[in-house]
Amino acid sequence: NHLKYWGVRALDLRDGSNKLVPHVSEIVITLYNKTFDHVLTGDRNGLISLWKVNTGAQMFKFYCENVQETYGPPVLSAASFDTSQRRLILGWNQGSVQVYNFSNGTILRTLHTDSTAKVTAVGQFFFQ
């Protein structure tokens, strides 16, 4: 098996068009989902894109929402899938953690703390 390179592109949601454009900010997370054979990319501003591994085609994209803004703009800093690989766990530099259904972009939970420390890692967990 060999890795096939394809340009990372995302649909620009801000102007309402369907044209493909690059991620607006730097990509800070890349995850492989072996259950669905997809690659997920996320940029520092919270644009999440889902890609087919075998073709490089973009399947879906969404912007993260309701991110706690305690000081300056929130920046995506960590990510993982849960053990079922059906939920995406995102950590932010503001200290919050969010859980999404990664296949449709629905936010399931937002976890806030009193701390504003950057989340540097999120582990896999069983989600009910």
N, C-alpha and C. Protein backbone atom coordinates (compact mmCIF):
# COMPACT_ATOMS: atom_id res chain seq x y z
N ASN A 1 0.83 -1.19 0.00
CA ASN A 1 0.00 0.00 0.00
C ASN A 1 0.87 1.25 0.00
N HIS A 2 0.43 2.23 -0.72
CA HIS A 2 1.14 3.50 -0.78
C HIS A 2 0.16 4.62 -0.48
N LEU A 3 0.66 5.65 0.16
CA LEU A 3 -0.17 6.82 0.41
C LEU A 3 -0.32 7.60 -0.88
N LYS A 4 -1.52 8.04 -1.15
CA LYS A 4 -1.77 8.86 -2.32
C LYS A 4 -2.00 10.29 -1.84
N TYR A 5 -1.27 11.23 -2.40
CA TYR A 5 -1.40 12.63 -1.99
C TYR A 5 -2.48 13.30 -2.83
N TRP A 6 -3.33 14.06 -2.18
CA TRP A 6 -4.27 14.91 -2.89
C TRP A 6 -4.29 16.24 -2.16
N GLY A 7 -4.56 17.29 -2.88
CA GLY A 7 -4.60 18.62 -2.28
C GLY A 7 -5.72 18.72 -1.27
N VAL A 8 -5.44 19.28 -0.12
CA VAL A 8 -6.47 19.45 0.90
C VAL A 8 -7.26 20.70 0.55
N ARG A 9 -8.55 20.50 0.32
CA ARG A 9 -9.44 21.59 -0.05
C ARG A 9 -10.68 21.52 0.82
N ALA A 10 -11.37 22.60 0.93
CA ALA A 10 -12.61 22.60 1.71
C ALA A 10 -13.62 23.51 1.04
N LEU A 11 -14.88 23.21 1.22
CA LEU A 11 -15.91 24.10 0.70
C LEU A 11 -15.98 25.35 1.55
N ASP A 12 -16.00 26.49 0.90
CA ASP A 12 -16.08 27.75 1.60
C ASP A 12 -17.53 27.99 2.00
N LEU A 13 -17.82 27.89 3.29
CA LEU A 13 -19.19 28.01 3.77
C LEU A 13 -19.62 29.47 3.93
N ARG A 14 -18.68 30.38 3.97
CA ARG A 14 -19.01 31.76 4.29
C ARG A 14 -19.68 32.50 3.15
N ASP A 15 -19.38 32.13 1.91
CA ASP A 15 -19.98 32.89 0.82
C ASP A 15 -21.17 32.17 0.17
N GLY A 16 -21.55 31.00 0.71
CA GLY A 16 -22.72 30.30 0.22
C GLY A 16 -22.52 29.57 -1.10
N SER A 17 -21.30 29.59 -1.65
CA SER A 17 -21.07 28.90 -2.92
C SER A 17 -20.62 27.46 -2.67
N ASN A 18 -20.53 26.70 -3.72
CA ASN A 18 -20.06 25.33 -3.62
C ASN A 18 -18.67 25.16 -4.21
N LYS A 19 -17.94 26.27 -4.43
CA LYS A 19 -16.62 26.13 -5.00
C LYS A 19 -15.63 25.62 -3.94
N LEU A 20 -14.66 24.87 -4.41
CA LEU A 20 -13.65 24.33 -3.51
C LEU A 20 -12.52 25.34 -3.35
N VAL A 21 -12.15 25.59 -2.12
CA VAL A 21 -11.05 26.51 -1.80
C VAL A 21 -10.21 25.86 -0.71
N PRO A 22 -8.96 26.30 -0.55
CA PRO A 22 -8.12 25.74 0.51
C PRO A 22 -8.67 26.09 1.90
N HIS A 23 -8.26 25.31 2.91
CA HIS A 23 -8.55 25.71 4.28
C HIS A 23 -8.05 27.14 4.43
N VAL A 24 -8.80 27.98 5.11
CA VAL A 24 -8.43 29.38 5.26
C VAL A 24 -7.26 29.54 6.23
N SER A 25 -7.21 28.72 7.24
CA SER A 25 -6.09 28.78 8.18
C SER A 25 -5.37 27.44 8.21
N GLU A 26 -4.27 27.39 8.94
CA GLU A 26 -3.45 26.18 8.93
C GLU A 26 -4.19 24.98 9.52
N ILE A 27 -3.94 23.82 8.93
CA ILE A 27 -4.52 22.57 9.42
C ILE A 27 -3.76 22.15 10.66
N VAL A 28 -4.51 21.92 11.75
CA VAL A 28 -3.86 21.57 13.02
C VAL A 28 -4.19 20.15 13.49
N ILE A 29 -5.19 19.52 12.87
CA ILE A 29 -5.50 18.13 13.21
C ILE A 29 -5.74 17.33 11.95
N THR A 30 -5.30 16.09 11.99
CA THR A 30 -5.59 15.12 10.94
C THR A 30 -5.82 13.79 11.63
N LEU A 31 -6.97 13.19 11.41
CA LEU A 31 -7.31 11.91 12.03
C LEU A 31 -7.76 10.93 10.97
N TYR A 32 -7.45 9.66 11.18
CA TYR A 32 -7.94 8.60 10.31
C TYR A 32 -9.02 7.82 11.05
N ASN A 33 -10.14 7.60 10.40
CA ASN A 33 -11.22 6.82 10.97
C ASN A 33 -11.28 5.48 10.25
N LYS A 34 -10.79 4.42 10.93
CA LYS A 34 -10.72 3.11 10.26
C LYS A 34 -12.09 2.46 10.11
N THR A 35 -13.05 2.83 10.95
CA THR A 35 -14.40 2.27 10.83
C THR A 35 -15.05 2.65 9.51
N PHE A 36 -14.88 3.90 9.10
CA PHE A 36 -15.51 4.40 7.87
C PHE A 36 -14.51 4.64 6.74
N ASP A 37 -13.22 4.42 7.00
CA ASP A 37 -12.15 4.62 6.02
C ASP A 37 -12.16 6.06 5.48
N HIS A 38 -12.21 7.01 6.41
CA HIS A 38 -12.19 8.43 6.08
C HIS A 38 -11.04 9.12 6.79
N VAL A 39 -10.60 10.24 6.24
CA VAL A 39 -9.64 11.11 6.90
C VAL A 39 -10.38 12.40 7.26
N LEU A 40 -10.11 12.89 8.44
CA LEU A 40 -10.73 14.13 8.91
C LEU A 40 -9.62 15.16 9.10
N THR A 41 -9.82 16.36 8.58
CA THR A 41 -8.88 17.45 8.80
C THR A 41 -9.61 18.59 9.50
N GLY A 42 -8.87 19.34 10.30
CA GLY A 42 -9.45 20.50 10.98
C GLY A 42 -8.44 21.63 11.02
N ASP A 43 -8.89 22.83 10.73
CA ASP A 43 -7.96 23.95 10.81
C ASP A 43 -8.14 24.70 12.13
N ARG A 44 -7.22 25.59 12.40
CA ARG A 44 -7.18 26.27 13.70
C ARG A 44 -8.44 27.08 13.99
N ASN A 45 -9.20 27.47 12.96
CA ASN A 45 -10.43 28.24 13.15
C ASN A 45 -11.66 27.37 13.32
N GLY A 46 -11.50 26.03 13.25
CA GLY A 46 -12.63 25.15 13.51
C GLY A 46 -13.39 24.68 12.28
N LEU A 47 -12.81 24.79 11.09
CA LEU A 47 -13.42 24.20 9.91
C LEU A 47 -12.99 22.74 9.86
N ILE A 48 -13.96 21.83 9.90
CA ILE A 48 -13.70 20.39 9.88
C ILE A 48 -14.12 19.84 8.52
N SER A 49 -13.24 19.06 7.89
CA SER A 49 -13.55 18.45 6.59
C SER A 49 -13.34 16.94 6.67
N LEU A 50 -14.22 16.21 6.01
CA LEU A 50 -14.17 14.76 5.98
C LEU A 50 -13.90 14.32 4.54
N TRP A 51 -12.93 13.40 4.37
CA TRP A 51 -12.45 13.02 3.04
C TRP A 51 -12.50 11.51 2.87
N LYS A 52 -12.80 11.04 1.64
CA LYS A 52 -12.70 9.62 1.29
C LYS A 52 -11.23 9.29 1.08
N VAL A 53 -10.77 8.22 1.70
CA VAL A 53 -9.37 7.86 1.58
C VAL A 53 -9.03 7.41 0.16
N ASN A 54 -9.86 6.59 -0.44
CA ASN A 54 -9.50 5.99 -1.72
C ASN A 54 -9.58 6.95 -2.91
N THR A 55 -10.33 8.04 -2.78
CA THR A 55 -10.47 8.97 -3.92
C THR A 55 -9.96 10.38 -3.61
N GLY A 56 -9.88 10.73 -2.34
CA GLY A 56 -9.51 12.10 -1.99
C GLY A 56 -10.66 13.07 -2.07
N ALA A 57 -11.85 12.58 -2.37
CA ALA A 57 -13.03 13.44 -2.50
C ALA A 57 -13.51 13.90 -1.12
N GLN A 58 -13.93 15.15 -1.07
CA GLN A 58 -14.48 15.67 0.17
C GLN A 58 -15.91 15.16 0.33
N MET A 59 -16.19 14.60 1.51
CA MET A 59 -17.51 14.05 1.80
C MET A 59 -18.42 15.07 2.48
N PHE A 60 -17.84 15.83 3.40
CA PHE A 60 -18.65 16.69 4.25
C PHE A 60 -17.74 17.71 4.91
N LYS A 61 -18.32 18.85 5.32
CA LYS A 61 -17.56 19.84 6.07
C LYS A 61 -18.50 20.61 6.98
N PHE A 62 -17.95 21.13 8.09
CA PHE A 62 -18.75 21.98 8.97
C PHE A 62 -17.83 22.87 9.79
N TYR A 63 -18.38 23.97 10.26
CA TYR A 63 -17.68 24.85 11.19
C TYR A 63 -18.12 24.51 12.60
N CYS A 64 -17.17 24.46 13.51
CA CYS A 64 -17.49 24.25 14.92
C CYS A 64 -18.25 25.46 15.44
N GLU A 65 -19.15 25.23 16.38
CA GLU A 65 -20.00 26.31 16.88
C GLU A 65 -19.95 26.40 18.40
N ASN A 66 -20.39 27.53 18.91
CA ASN A 66 -20.52 27.75 20.35
C ASN A 66 -19.24 27.49 21.13
N VAL A 67 -18.11 27.88 20.56
CA VAL A 67 -16.84 27.71 21.26
C VAL A 67 -16.67 28.86 22.24
N GLN A 68 -16.33 28.50 23.47
CA GLN A 68 -16.14 29.47 24.54
C GLN A 68 -15.05 30.48 24.15
N GLU A 69 -15.36 31.76 24.23
CA GLU A 69 -14.40 32.80 23.90
C GLU A 69 -14.03 33.57 25.15
N THR A 70 -13.03 33.08 25.88
CA THR A 70 -12.66 33.72 27.13
C THR A 70 -11.59 34.79 26.97
N TYR A 71 -10.68 34.57 26.06
CA TYR A 71 -9.66 35.58 25.76
C TYR A 71 -9.22 35.37 24.32
N GLY A 72 -9.47 36.32 23.48
CA GLY A 72 -9.11 36.19 22.08
C GLY A 72 -9.93 35.12 21.38
N PRO A 73 -9.66 34.93 20.10
CA PRO A 73 -10.42 33.93 19.33
C PRO A 73 -10.03 32.51 19.73
N PRO A 74 -11.00 31.60 19.78
CA PRO A 74 -10.69 30.21 20.10
C PRO A 74 -9.90 29.56 18.97
N VAL A 75 -8.96 28.70 19.35
CA VAL A 75 -8.13 27.98 18.37
C VAL A 75 -8.22 26.49 18.68
N LEU A 76 -8.51 25.70 17.67
CA LEU A 76 -8.56 24.25 17.81
C LEU A 76 -7.17 23.74 18.18
N SER A 77 -7.08 22.89 19.22
CA SER A 77 -5.76 22.48 19.70
C SER A 77 -5.59 20.98 19.88
N ALA A 78 -6.67 20.18 19.88
CA ALA A 78 -6.55 18.74 20.07
C ALA A 78 -7.78 18.05 19.51
N ALA A 79 -7.63 16.76 19.14
CA ALA A 79 -8.77 16.02 18.60
C ALA A 79 -8.55 14.53 18.72
N SER A 80 -9.66 13.80 18.80
CA SER A 80 -9.65 12.35 18.82
C SER A 80 -11.05 11.87 18.49
N PHE A 81 -11.15 10.59 18.12
CA PHE A 81 -12.45 9.95 18.01
C PHE A 81 -12.73 9.19 19.30
N ASP A 82 -14.01 8.96 19.62
CA ASP A 82 -14.33 8.09 20.75
C ASP A 82 -14.05 6.65 20.32
N THR A 83 -14.24 5.70 21.23
CA THR A 83 -13.89 4.30 20.95
C THR A 83 -14.72 3.70 19.82
N SER A 84 -15.94 4.19 19.61
CA SER A 84 -16.77 3.66 18.51
C SER A 84 -16.41 4.32 17.17
N GLN A 85 -15.60 5.36 17.21
CA GLN A 85 -15.19 6.14 16.04
C GLN A 85 -16.38 6.82 15.35
N ARG A 86 -17.42 7.10 16.12
CA ARG A 86 -18.59 7.78 15.59
C ARG A 86 -18.72 9.22 16.09
N ARG A 87 -17.95 9.55 17.11
CA ARG A 87 -17.99 10.90 17.68
C ARG A 87 -16.60 11.51 17.66
N LEU A 88 -16.57 12.80 17.38
CA LEU A 88 -15.33 13.56 17.32
C LEU A 88 -15.21 14.41 18.56
N ILE A 89 -14.10 14.29 19.28
CA ILE A 89 -13.85 15.07 20.49
C ILE A 89 -12.81 16.13 20.15
N LEU A 90 -13.15 17.41 20.36
CA LEU A 90 -12.25 18.52 20.03
C LEU A 90 -11.89 19.30 21.27
N GLY A 91 -10.61 19.62 21.41
CA GLY A 91 -10.14 20.47 22.50
C GLY A 91 -9.73 21.83 21.95
N TRP A 92 -9.94 22.86 22.75
CA TRP A 92 -9.69 24.24 22.32
C TRP A 92 -8.68 24.91 23.25
N ASN A 93 -8.03 25.95 22.74
CA ASN A 93 -7.05 26.67 23.54
C ASN A 93 -7.70 27.46 24.68
N GLN A 94 -9.02 27.53 24.72
CA GLN A 94 -9.75 28.25 25.78
C GLN A 94 -10.08 27.35 26.96
N GLY A 95 -9.71 26.07 26.88
CA GLY A 95 -9.97 25.15 27.97
C GLY A 95 -11.23 24.32 27.81
N SER A 96 -11.99 24.52 26.75
CA SER A 96 -13.23 23.76 26.58
C SER A 96 -13.00 22.55 25.69
N VAL A 97 -13.92 21.59 25.80
CA VAL A 97 -13.92 20.38 24.99
C VAL A 97 -15.32 20.22 24.42
N GLN A 98 -15.40 19.86 23.15
CA GLN A 98 -16.70 19.64 22.50
C GLN A 98 -16.75 18.25 21.91
N VAL A 99 -17.95 17.68 21.87
CA VAL A 99 -18.18 16.37 21.28
C VAL A 99 -19.17 16.55 20.13
N TYR A 100 -18.79 16.07 18.95
CA TYR A 100 -19.61 16.19 17.74
C TYR A 100 -19.92 14.83 17.15
N ASN A 101 -21.04 14.72 16.46
CA ASN A 101 -21.26 13.63 15.54
C ASN A 101 -20.50 14.05 14.29
N PHE A 102 -19.37 13.42 14.00
CA PHE A 102 -18.50 13.91 12.93
C PHE A 102 -19.10 13.73 11.54
N SER A 103 -20.05 12.82 11.37
CA SER A 103 -20.59 12.58 10.03
C SER A 103 -21.65 13.58 9.61
N ASN A 104 -22.22 14.34 10.57
CA ASN A 104 -23.20 15.35 10.17
C ASN A 104 -22.97 16.72 10.82
N GLY A 105 -21.95 16.83 11.67
CA GLY A 105 -21.60 18.13 12.26
C GLY A 105 -22.46 18.56 13.43
N THR A 106 -23.30 17.67 13.95
CA THR A 106 -24.15 18.02 15.09
C THR A 106 -23.34 18.04 16.37
N ILE A 107 -23.44 19.13 17.11
CA ILE A 107 -22.74 19.21 18.39
C ILE A 107 -23.57 18.45 19.43
N LEU A 108 -22.90 17.55 20.16
CA LEU A 108 -23.59 16.71 21.14
C LEU A 108 -23.40 17.23 22.56
N ARG A 109 -22.22 17.70 22.87
CA ARG A 109 -21.91 18.21 24.21
C ARG A 109 -20.82 19.27 24.14
N THR A 110 -20.88 20.22 25.04
CA THR A 110 -19.79 21.16 25.26
C THR A 110 -19.43 21.08 26.74
N LEU A 111 -18.16 20.84 27.01
CA LEU A 111 -17.67 20.72 28.38
C LEU A 111 -16.80 21.93 28.69
N HIS A 112 -17.21 22.71 29.69
CA HIS A 112 -16.46 23.90 30.09
C HIS A 112 -15.81 23.66 31.44
N THR A 113 -14.71 24.32 31.66
CA THR A 113 -14.05 24.28 32.96
C THR A 113 -13.84 25.70 33.44
N ASP A 114 -13.42 25.83 34.67
CA ASP A 114 -13.07 27.15 35.19
C ASP A 114 -11.71 27.59 34.68
N SER A 115 -10.93 26.64 34.18
CA SER A 115 -9.60 26.92 33.67
C SER A 115 -9.66 27.46 32.25
N THR A 116 -8.74 28.32 31.92
CA THR A 116 -8.61 28.79 30.53
C THR A 116 -7.35 28.22 29.90
N ALA A 117 -6.80 27.15 30.50
CA ALA A 117 -5.60 26.52 29.96
C ALA A 117 -5.93 25.80 28.66
N LYS A 118 -4.98 25.80 27.76
CA LYS A 118 -5.12 25.14 26.46
C LYS A 118 -5.26 23.63 26.64
N VAL A 119 -6.22 23.04 25.93
CA VAL A 119 -6.36 21.59 25.91
C VAL A 119 -5.33 21.08 24.91
N THR A 120 -4.39 20.25 25.38
CA THR A 120 -3.31 19.78 24.52
C THR A 120 -3.51 18.35 24.03
N ALA A 121 -4.42 17.61 24.65
CA ALA A 121 -4.69 16.24 24.22
C ALA A 121 -6.07 15.82 24.70
N VAL A 122 -6.74 15.01 23.90
CA VAL A 122 -7.99 14.38 24.33
C VAL A 122 -7.85 12.90 24.00
N GLY A 123 -8.22 12.05 24.95
CA GLY A 123 -8.10 10.61 24.74
C GLY A 123 -9.41 10.02 24.28
N GLN A 124 -9.35 8.77 23.91
CA GLN A 124 -10.56 8.06 23.54
C GLN A 124 -11.34 7.71 24.78
N PHE A 125 -12.65 7.77 24.69
CA PHE A 125 -13.48 7.38 25.82
C PHE A 125 -14.78 6.78 25.30
N PHE A 126 -15.43 6.08 26.17
CA PHE A 126 -16.72 5.49 25.83
C PHE A 126 -17.78 6.54 26.08
N PHE A 127 -18.59 6.85 25.09
CA PHE A 127 -19.56 7.92 25.17
C PHE A 127 -20.96 7.34 25.18
N GLN A 128 -21.81 7.76 26.13
CA GLN A 128 -23.20 7.28 26.18
C GLN A 128 -24.13 8.46 26.02
